Amino acid sequence: EHVSFLNKASIVLTLENLPDNSYVIIDGENSEFI
């Protein structure tokens, strides 16, 4: 629901470690603030 700058490190690391050749969906449907 609330994604602050404090969450940036976690999200960046997750995106960097996604496997190659994968199919990824990033969904912000429930987010009130990013």
PDB file of all heavy atoms in Angstrom:
ATOM      1  N   GLU A   1       0.816  -1.213   0.000  1.00  0.00           N
ATOM      2  CA  GLU A   1       0.000   0.000   0.000  1.00  0.00           C
ATOM      3  C   GLU A   1       0.854   1.270   0.000  1.00  0.00           C
ATOM      4  O   GLU A   1       0.550   2.244  -0.658  1.00  0.00           O
ATOM      5  CB  GLU A   1      -0.926  -0.011   1.215  1.00  0.00           C
ATOM      6  CG  GLU A   1      -1.861   1.173   1.287  1.00  0.00           C
ATOM      7  CD  GLU A   1      -2.795   1.096   2.486  1.00  0.00           C
ATOM      8  OE1 GLU A   1      -2.696   0.133   3.267  1.00  0.00           O
ATOM      9  OE2 GLU A   1      -3.614   2.014   2.639  1.00  0.00           O
ATOM     10  N   HIS A   2       1.952   1.239   0.756  1.00  0.00           N
ATOM     11  CA  HIS A   2       2.807   2.425   0.876  1.00  0.00           C
ATOM     12  C   HIS A   2       4.235   1.988   0.599  1.00  0.00           C
ATOM     13  O   HIS A   2       4.819   1.211   1.361  1.00  0.00           O
ATOM     14  CB  HIS A   2       2.688   3.025   2.275  1.00  0.00           C
ATOM     15  CG  HIS A   2       3.424   4.313   2.434  1.00  0.00           C
ATOM     16  ND1 HIS A   2       2.834   5.541   2.294  1.00  0.00           N
ATOM     17  CD2 HIS A   2       4.734   4.569   2.694  1.00  0.00           C
ATOM     18  CE1 HIS A   2       3.718   6.502   2.473  1.00  0.00           C
ATOM     19  NE2 HIS A   2       4.882   5.935   2.720  1.00  0.00           N
ATOM     20  N   VAL A   3       4.811   2.490  -0.498  1.00  0.00           N
ATOM     21  CA  VAL A   3       6.174   2.118  -0.877  1.00  0.00           C
ATOM     22  C   VAL A   3       7.028   3.384  -0.805  1.00  0.00           C
ATOM     23  O   VAL A   3       6.898   4.285  -1.635  1.00  0.00           O
ATOM     24  CB  VAL A   3       6.214   1.523  -2.298  1.00  0.00           C
ATOM     25  CG1 VAL A   3       7.619   1.019  -2.610  1.00  0.00           C
ATOM     26  CG2 VAL A   3       5.202   0.403  -2.450  1.00  0.00           C
ATOM     27  N   SER A   4       7.892   3.464   0.214  1.00  0.00           N
ATOM     28  CA  SER A   4       8.694   4.669   0.432  1.00  0.00           C
ATOM     29  C   SER A   4      10.101   4.474  -0.114  1.00  0.00           C
ATOM     30  O   SER A   4      10.471   3.386  -0.586  1.00  0.00           O
ATOM     31  CB  SER A   4       8.766   4.986   1.925  1.00  0.00           C
ATOM     32  OG  SER A   4       9.652   4.088   2.568  1.00  0.00           O
ATOM     33  N   PHE A   5      10.897   5.534  -0.044  1.00  0.00           N
ATOM     34  CA  PHE A   5      12.282   5.448  -0.527  1.00  0.00           C
ATOM     35  C   PHE A   5      13.087   4.431   0.274  1.00  0.00           C
ATOM     36  O   PHE A   5      14.090   3.905  -0.207  1.00  0.00           O
ATOM     37  CB  PHE A   5      12.947   6.829  -0.469  1.00  0.00           C
ATOM     38  CG  PHE A   5      13.346   7.264   0.904  1.00  0.00           C
ATOM     39  CD1 PHE A   5      14.630   7.062   1.361  1.00  0.00           C
ATOM     40  CD2 PHE A   5      12.428   7.865   1.760  1.00  0.00           C
ATOM     41  CE1 PHE A   5      15.010   7.457   2.627  1.00  0.00           C
ATOM     42  CE2 PHE A   5      12.803   8.253   3.025  1.00  0.00           C
ATOM     43  CZ  PHE A   5      14.087   8.058   3.468  1.00  0.00           C
ATOM     44  N   LEU A   6      12.625   4.136   1.505  1.00  0.00           N
ATOM     45  CA  LEU A   6      13.316   3.130   2.310  1.00  0.00           C
ATOM     46  C   LEU A   6      13.211   1.749   1.678  1.00  0.00           C
ATOM     47  O   LEU A   6      14.017   0.864   1.960  1.00  0.00           O
ATOM     48  CB  LEU A   6      12.724   3.096   3.725  1.00  0.00           C
ATOM     49  CG  LEU A   6      12.886   4.367   4.566  1.00  0.00           C
ATOM     50  CD1 LEU A   6      12.115   4.234   5.875  1.00  0.00           C
ATOM     51  CD2 LEU A   6      14.348   4.643   4.845  1.00  0.00           C
ATOM     52  N   ASN A   7      12.209   1.550   0.824  1.00  0.00           N
ATOM     53  CA  ASN A   7      12.005   0.249   0.182  1.00  0.00           C
ATOM     54  C   ASN A   7      12.812   0.105  -1.111  1.00  0.00           C
ATOM     55  O   ASN A   7      12.825  -0.974  -1.707  1.00  0.00           O
ATOM     56  CB  ASN A   7      10.522   0.050  -0.142  1.00  0.00           C
ATOM     57  CG  ASN A   7       9.630   0.201   1.068  1.00  0.00           C
ATOM     58  OD1 ASN A   7       8.650   0.946   1.037  1.00  0.00           O
ATOM     59  ND2 ASN A   7       9.956  -0.480   2.151  1.00  0.00           N
ATOM     60  N   LYS A   8      13.450   1.177  -1.550  1.00  0.00           N
ATOM     61  CA  LYS A   8      14.119   1.153  -2.851  1.00  0.00           C
ATOM     62  C   LYS A   8      15.173   0.047  -2.924  1.00  0.00           C
ATOM     63  O   LYS A   8      15.244  -0.693  -3.920  1.00  0.00           O
ATOM     64  CB  LYS A   8      14.758   2.513  -3.128  1.00  0.00           C
ATOM     65  CG  LYS A   8      15.523   2.563  -4.436  1.00  0.00           C
ATOM     66  CD  LYS A   8      16.190   3.921  -4.646  1.00  0.00           C
ATOM     67  CE  LYS A   8      17.050   3.914  -5.896  1.00  0.00           C
ATOM     68  NZ  LYS A   8      17.726   5.213  -6.098  1.00  0.00           N
ATOM     69  N   ALA A   9      15.996  -0.069  -1.892  1.00  0.00           N
ATOM     70  CA  ALA A   9      17.090  -1.045  -1.921  1.00  0.00           C
ATOM     71  C   ALA A   9      16.558  -2.458  -2.123  1.00  0.00           C
ATOM     72  O   ALA A   9      17.087  -3.233  -2.926  1.00  0.00           O
ATOM     73  CB  ALA A   9      17.904  -0.961  -0.629  1.00  0.00           C
ATOM     74  N   SER A  10      15.488  -2.786  -1.393  1.00  0.00           N
ATOM     75  CA  SER A  10      14.924  -4.131  -1.494  1.00  0.00           C
ATOM     76  C   SER A  10      14.393  -4.408  -2.900  1.00  0.00           C
ATOM     77  O   SER A  10      14.623  -5.470  -3.470  1.00  0.00           O
ATOM     78  CB  SER A  10      13.808  -4.284  -0.463  1.00  0.00           C
ATOM     79  OG  SER A  10      13.175  -5.525  -0.599  1.00  0.00           O
ATOM     80  N   ILE A  11      13.660  -3.430  -3.463  1.00  0.00           N
ATOM     81  CA  ILE A  11      13.068  -3.623  -4.780  1.00  0.00           C
ATOM     82  C   ILE A  11      14.144  -3.720  -5.854  1.00  0.00           C
ATOM     83  O   ILE A  11      14.085  -4.574  -6.750  1.00  0.00           O
ATOM     84  CB  ILE A  11      12.072  -2.479  -5.076  1.00  0.00           C
ATOM     85  CG1 ILE A  11      10.847  -2.638  -4.176  1.00  0.00           C
ATOM     86  CG2 ILE A  11      11.670  -2.462  -6.540  1.00  0.00           C
ATOM     87  CD1 ILE A  11       9.846  -1.522  -4.271  1.00  0.00           C
ATOM     88  N   VAL A  12      15.169  -2.858  -5.781  1.00  0.00           N
ATOM     89  CA  VAL A  12      16.252  -2.892  -6.766  1.00  0.00           C
ATOM     90  C   VAL A  12      16.970  -4.234  -6.744  1.00  0.00           C
ATOM     91  O   VAL A  12      17.245  -4.840  -7.801  1.00  0.00           O
ATOM     92  CB  VAL A  12      17.252  -1.740  -6.512  1.00  0.00           C
ATOM     93  CG1 VAL A  12      18.521  -1.931  -7.335  1.00  0.00           C
ATOM     94  CG2 VAL A  12      16.612  -0.399  -6.840  1.00  0.00           C
ATOM     95  N   LEU A  13      17.273  -4.727  -5.545  1.00  0.00           N
ATOM     96  CA  LEU A  13      17.956  -6.014  -5.436  1.00  0.00           C
ATOM     97  C   LEU A  13      17.084  -7.149  -5.983  1.00  0.00           C
ATOM     98  O   LEU A  13      17.583  -8.079  -6.634  1.00  0.00           O
ATOM     99  CB  LEU A  13      18.328  -6.292  -3.978  1.00  0.00           C
ATOM    100  CG  LEU A  13      19.481  -5.438  -3.416  1.00  0.00           C
ATOM    101  CD1 LEU A  13      19.645  -5.685  -1.924  1.00  0.00           C
ATOM    102  CD2 LEU A  13      20.785  -5.744  -4.154  1.00  0.00           C
ATOM    103  N   THR A  14      15.790  -7.090  -5.734  1.00  0.00           N
ATOM    104  CA  THR A  14      14.879  -8.116  -6.247  1.00  0.00           C
ATOM    105  C   THR A  14      14.861  -8.105  -7.768  1.00  0.00           C
ATOM    106  O   THR A  14      14.941  -9.158  -8.425  1.00  0.00           O
ATOM    107  CB  THR A  14      13.454  -7.887  -5.705  1.00  0.00           C
ATOM    108  OG1 THR A  14      13.486  -7.984  -4.287  1.00  0.00           O
ATOM    109  CG2 THR A  14      12.485  -8.907  -6.265  1.00  0.00           C
ATOM    110  N   LEU A  15      14.777  -6.910  -8.347  1.00  0.00           N
ATOM    111  CA  LEU A  15      14.750  -6.808  -9.803  1.00  0.00           C
ATOM    112  C   LEU A  15      16.066  -7.273 -10.420  1.00  0.00           C
ATOM    113  O   LEU A  15      16.086  -7.922 -11.471  1.00  0.00           O
ATOM    114  CB  LEU A  15      14.448  -5.366 -10.218  1.00  0.00           C
ATOM    115  CG  LEU A  15      13.067  -4.825  -9.810  1.00  0.00           C
ATOM    116  CD1 LEU A  15      12.938  -3.349 -10.206  1.00  0.00           C
ATOM    117  CD2 LEU A  15      11.943  -5.647 -10.433  1.00  0.00           C
ATOM    118  N   GLU A  16      17.166  -6.947  -9.767  1.00  0.00           N
ATOM    119  CA  GLU A  16      18.477  -7.356 -10.291  1.00  0.00           C
ATOM    120  C   GLU A  16      18.651  -8.871 -10.275  1.00  0.00           C
ATOM    121  O   GLU A  16      19.363  -9.434 -11.110  1.00  0.00           O
ATOM    122  CB  GLU A  16      19.590  -6.699  -9.478  1.00  0.00           C
ATOM    123  CG  GLU A  16      19.777  -5.213  -9.755  1.00  0.00           C
ATOM    124  CD  GLU A  16      20.876  -4.598  -8.913  1.00  0.00           C
ATOM    125  OE1 GLU A  16      21.393  -5.302  -8.016  1.00  0.00           O
ATOM    126  OE2 GLU A  16      21.203  -3.413  -9.141  1.00  0.00           O
ATOM    127  N   ASN A  17      18.011  -9.519  -9.295  1.00  0.00           N
ATOM    128  CA  ASN A  17      18.187 -10.964  -9.138  1.00  0.00           C
ATOM    129  C   ASN A  17      17.108 -11.793  -9.830  1.00  0.00           C
ATOM    130  O   ASN A  17      17.052 -13.010  -9.652  1.00  0.00           O
ATOM    131  CB  ASN A  17      18.234 -11.325  -7.650  1.00  0.00           C
ATOM    132  CG  ASN A  17      19.507 -10.815  -6.978  1.00  0.00           C
ATOM    133  OD1 ASN A  17      20.607 -11.041  -7.483  1.00  0.00           O
ATOM    134  ND2 ASN A  17      19.361 -10.117  -5.880  1.00  0.00           N
ATOM    135  N   LEU A  18      16.232 -11.154 -10.598  1.00  0.00           N
ATOM    136  CA  LEU A  18      15.244 -11.922 -11.365  1.00  0.00           C
ATOM    137  C   LEU A  18      15.964 -12.774 -12.413  1.00  0.00           C
ATOM    138  O   LEU A  18      16.948 -12.323 -13.027  1.00  0.00           O
ATOM    139  CB  LEU A  18      14.259 -10.976 -12.056  1.00  0.00           C
ATOM    140  CG  LEU A  18      13.254 -10.261 -11.141  1.00  0.00           C
ATOM    141  CD1 LEU A  18      12.494  -9.188 -11.920  1.00  0.00           C
ATOM    142  CD2 LEU A  18      12.277 -11.258 -10.520  1.00  0.00           C
ATOM    143  N   PRO A  19      15.522 -13.987 -12.627  1.00  0.00           N
ATOM    144  CA  PRO A  19      16.203 -14.845 -13.621  1.00  0.00           C
ATOM    145  C   PRO A  19      16.027 -14.309 -15.048  1.00  0.00           C
ATOM    146  O   PRO A  19      14.990 -13.739 -15.387  1.00  0.00           O
ATOM    147  CB  PRO A  19      15.508 -16.197 -13.440  1.00  0.00           C
ATOM    148  CG  PRO A  19      14.192 -15.888 -12.794  1.00  0.00           C
ATOM    149  CD  PRO A  19      14.415 -14.675 -11.966  1.00  0.00           C
ATOM    150  N   ASP A  20      17.066 -14.495 -15.862  1.00  0.00           N
ATOM    151  CA  ASP A  20      16.961 -14.120 -17.278  1.00  0.00           C
ATOM    152  C   ASP A  20      15.877 -14.955 -17.957  1.00  0.00           C
ATOM    153  O   ASP A  20      15.539 -16.069 -17.502  1.00  0.00           O
ATOM    154  CB  ASP A  20      18.301 -14.340 -17.981  1.00  0.00           C
ATOM    155  CG  ASP A  20      19.384 -13.414 -17.449  1.00  0.00           C
ATOM    156  OD1 ASP A  20      19.025 -12.450 -16.721  1.00  0.00           O
ATOM    157  OD2 ASP A  20      20.578 -13.654 -17.723  1.00  0.00           O
ATOM    158  N   ASN A  21      15.345 -14.435 -19.034  1.00  0.00           N
ATOM    159  CA  ASN A  21      14.334 -15.123 -19.844  1.00  0.00           C
ATOM    160  C   ASN A  21      13.020 -15.349 -19.098  1.00  0.00           C
ATOM    161  O   ASN A  21      12.261 -16.260 -19.440  1.00  0.00           O
ATOM    162  CB  ASN A  21      14.863 -16.478 -20.347  1.00  0.00           C
ATOM    163  CG  ASN A  21      16.208 -16.344 -21.029  1.00  0.00           C
ATOM    164  OD1 ASN A  21      16.359 -15.538 -21.947  1.00  0.00           O
ATOM    165  ND2 ASN A  21      17.196 -17.117 -20.565  1.00  0.00           N
ATOM    166  N   SER A  22      12.759 -14.575 -18.063  1.00  0.00           N
ATOM    167  CA  SER A  22      11.527 -14.776 -17.288  1.00  0.00           C
ATOM    168  C   SER A  22      10.433 -13.820 -17.740  1.00  0.00           C
ATOM    169  O   SER A  22      10.667 -12.869 -18.491  1.00  0.00           O
ATOM    170  CB  SER A  22      11.806 -14.598 -15.797  1.00  0.00           C
ATOM    171  OG  SER A  22      12.378 -13.322 -15.541  1.00  0.00           O
ATOM    172  N   TYR A  23       9.233 -14.096 -17.241  1.00  0.00           N
ATOM    173  CA  TYR A  23       8.055 -13.281 -17.546  1.00  0.00           C
ATOM    174  C   TYR A  23       7.643 -12.634 -16.219  1.00  0.00           C
ATOM    175  O   TYR A  23       7.284 -13.314 -15.262  1.00  0.00           O
ATOM    176  CB  TYR A  23       6.959 -14.191 -18.099  1.00  0.00           C
ATOM    177  CG  TYR A  23       5.675 -13.497 -18.535  1.00  0.00           C
ATOM    178  CD1 TYR A  23       5.541 -12.114 -18.534  1.00  0.00           C
ATOM    179  CD2 TYR A  23       4.587 -14.266 -18.965  1.00  0.00           C
ATOM    180  CE1 TYR A  23       4.373 -11.510 -18.942  1.00  0.00           C
ATOM    181  CE2 TYR A  23       3.399 -13.669 -19.376  1.00  0.00           C
ATOM    182  CZ  TYR A  23       3.302 -12.289 -19.369  1.00  0.00           C
ATOM    183  OH  TYR A  23       2.130 -11.693 -19.766  1.00  0.00           O
ATOM    184  N   VAL A  24       7.713 -11.300 -16.141  1.00  0.00           N
ATOM    185  CA  VAL A  24       7.541 -10.587 -14.867  1.00  0.00           C
ATOM    186  C   VAL A  24       6.384  -9.592 -14.967  1.00  0.00           C
ATOM    187  O   VAL A  24       6.260  -8.870 -15.971  1.00  0.00           O
ATOM    188  CB  VAL A  24       8.837  -9.837 -14.470  1.00  0.00           C
ATOM    189  CG1 VAL A  24       8.635  -9.069 -13.155  1.00  0.00           C
ATOM    190  CG2 VAL A  24      10.003 -10.806 -14.349  1.00  0.00           C
ATOM    191  N   ILE A  25       5.561  -9.574 -13.909  1.00  0.00           N
ATOM    192  CA  ILE A  25       4.494  -8.574 -13.798  1.00  0.00           C
ATOM    193  C   ILE A  25       4.739  -7.763 -12.522  1.00  0.00           C
ATOM    194  O   ILE A  25       4.893  -8.329 -11.436  1.00  0.00           O
ATOM    195  CB  ILE A  25       3.102  -9.230 -13.731  1.00  0.00           C
ATOM    196  CG1 ILE A  25       2.791  -9.960 -15.046  1.00  0.00           C
ATOM    197  CG2 ILE A  25       2.025  -8.173 -13.437  1.00  0.00           C
ATOM    198  CD1 ILE A  25       1.491 -10.736 -15.020  1.00  0.00           C
ATOM    199  N   ILE A  26       4.803  -6.437 -12.671  1.00  0.00           N
ATOM    200  CA  ILE A  26       4.879  -5.548 -11.499  1.00  0.00           C
ATOM    201  C   ILE A  26       3.513  -4.882 -11.361  1.00  0.00           C
ATOM    202  O   ILE A  26       3.081  -4.154 -12.263  1.00  0.00           O
ATOM    203  CB  ILE A  26       5.981  -4.494 -11.661  1.00  0.00           C
ATOM    204  CG1 ILE A  26       7.354  -5.170 -11.808  1.00  0.00           C
ATOM    205  CG2 ILE A  26       5.992  -3.547 -10.449  1.00  0.00           C
ATOM    206  CD1 ILE A  26       8.492  -4.199 -12.055  1.00  0.00           C
ATOM    207  N   ASP A  27       2.854  -5.143 -10.247  1.00  0.00           N
ATOM    208  CA  ASP A  27       1.457  -4.718 -10.068  1.00  0.00           C
ATOM    209  C   ASP A  27       1.345  -3.733  -8.902  1.00  0.00           C
ATOM    210  O   ASP A  27       1.650  -4.067  -7.753  1.00  0.00           O
ATOM    211  CB  ASP A  27       0.587  -5.959  -9.813  1.00  0.00           C
ATOM    212  CG  ASP A  27      -0.895  -5.621  -9.767  1.00  0.00           C
ATOM    213  OD1 ASP A  27      -1.248  -4.426  -9.886  1.00  0.00           O
ATOM    214  OD2 ASP A  27      -1.709  -6.558  -9.592  1.00  0.00           O
ATOM    215  N   GLY A  28       0.906  -2.503  -9.198  1.00  0.00           N
ATOM    216  CA  GLY A  28       0.725  -1.498  -8.150  1.00  0.00           C
ATOM    217  C   GLY A  28      -0.731  -1.225  -7.837  1.00  0.00           C
ATOM    218  O   GLY A  28      -1.065  -0.126  -7.347  1.00  0.00           O
ATOM    219  N   GLU A  29      -1.595  -2.209  -8.073  1.00  0.00           N
ATOM    220  CA  GLU A  29      -3.037  -2.025  -7.903  1.00  0.00           C
ATOM    221  C   GLU A  29      -3.406  -1.577  -6.490  1.00  0.00           C
ATOM    222  O   GLU A  29      -4.288  -0.734  -6.290  1.00  0.00           O
ATOM    223  CB  GLU A  29      -3.773  -3.327  -8.248  1.00  0.00           C
ATOM    224  CG  GLU A  29      -5.288  -3.232  -8.101  1.00  0.00           C
ATOM    225  CD  GLU A  29      -5.968  -4.561  -8.374  1.00  0.00           C
ATOM    226  OE1 GLU A  29      -5.258  -5.574  -8.577  1.00  0.00           O
ATOM    227  OE2 GLU A  29      -7.208  -4.583  -8.380  1.00  0.00           O
ATOM    228  N   ASN A  30      -2.730  -2.129  -5.480  1.00  0.00           N
ATOM    229  CA  ASN A  30      -3.078  -1.821  -4.083  1.00  0.00           C
ATOM    230  C   ASN A  30      -2.288  -0.652  -3.505  1.00  0.00           C
ATOM    231  O   ASN A  30      -2.420  -0.331  -2.332  1.00  0.00           O
ATOM    232  CB  ASN A  30      -2.851  -3.055  -3.202  1.00  0.00           C
ATOM    233  CG  ASN A  30      -3.755  -4.200  -3.586  1.00  0.00           C
ATOM    234  OD1 ASN A  30      -4.880  -3.983  -4.043  1.00  0.00           O
ATOM    235  ND2 ASN A  30      -3.275  -5.436  -3.408  1.00  0.00           N
ATOM    236  N   SER A  31      -1.457  -0.031  -4.317  1.00  0.00           N
ATOM    237  CA  SER A  31      -0.572   1.015  -3.795  1.00  0.00           C
ATOM    238  C   SER A  31      -1.252   2.384  -3.822  1.00  0.00           C
ATOM    239  O   SER A  31      -1.726   2.833  -4.869  1.00  0.00           O
ATOM    240  CB  SER A  31       0.719   1.077  -4.623  1.00  0.00           C
ATOM    241  OG  SER A  31       1.401  -0.159  -4.568  1.00  0.00           O
ATOM    242  N   GLU A  32      -1.271   3.031  -2.654  1.00  0.00           N
ATOM    243  CA  GLU A  32      -1.776   4.397  -2.570  1.00  0.00           C
ATOM    244  C   GLU A  32      -0.654   5.411  -2.804  1.00  0.00           C
ATOM    245  O   GLU A  32      -0.898   6.534  -3.240  1.00  0.00           O
ATOM    246  CB  GLU A  32      -2.418   4.648  -1.203  1.00  0.00           C
ATOM    247  CG  GLU A  32      -3.712   3.889  -0.991  1.00  0.00           C
ATOM    248  CD  GLU A  32      -4.414   4.303   0.284  1.00  0.00           C
ATOM    249  OE1 GLU A  32      -3.929   5.230   0.959  1.00  0.00           O
ATOM    250  OE2 GLU A  32      -5.444   3.694   0.610  1.00  0.00           O
ATOM    251  N   PHE A  33       0.574   5.015  -2.477  1.00  0.00           N
ATOM    252  CA  PHE A  33       1.720   5.917  -2.659  1.00  0.00           C
ATOM    253  C   PHE A  33       2.946   5.106  -3.032  1.00  0.00           C
ATOM    254  O   PHE A  33       3.253   4.087  -2.405  1.00  0.00           O
ATOM    255  CB  PHE A  33       2.004   6.706  -1.381  1.00  0.00           C
ATOM    256  CG  PHE A  33       3.299   7.480  -1.437  1.00  0.00           C
ATOM    257  CD1 PHE A  33       3.355   8.700  -2.097  1.00  0.00           C
ATOM    258  CD2 PHE A  33       4.460   6.982  -0.868  1.00  0.00           C
ATOM    259  CE1 PHE A  33       4.549   9.406  -2.184  1.00  0.00           C
ATOM    260  CE2 PHE A  33       5.655   7.681  -0.938  1.00  0.00           C
ATOM    261  CZ  PHE A  33       5.694   8.903  -1.603  1.00  0.00           C
ATOM    262  N   ILE A  34       3.620   5.549  -4.100  1.00  0.00           N
ATOM    263  CA  ILE A  34       4.895   4.949  -4.493  1.00  0.00           C
ATOM    264  C   ILE A  34       5.898   6.086  -4.631  1.00  0.00           C
ATOM    265  O   ILE A  34       5.692   7.017  -5.422  1.00  0.00           O
ATOM    266  CB  ILE A  34       4.780   4.172  -5.824  1.00  0.00           C
ATOM    267  CG1 ILE A  34       3.680   3.110  -5.753  1.00  0.00           C
ATOM    268  CG2 ILE A  34       6.115   3.508  -6.167  1.00  0.00           C
ATOM    269  CD1 ILE A  34       3.425   2.395  -7.064  1.00  0.00           C
TER     270      ILE A  34
END
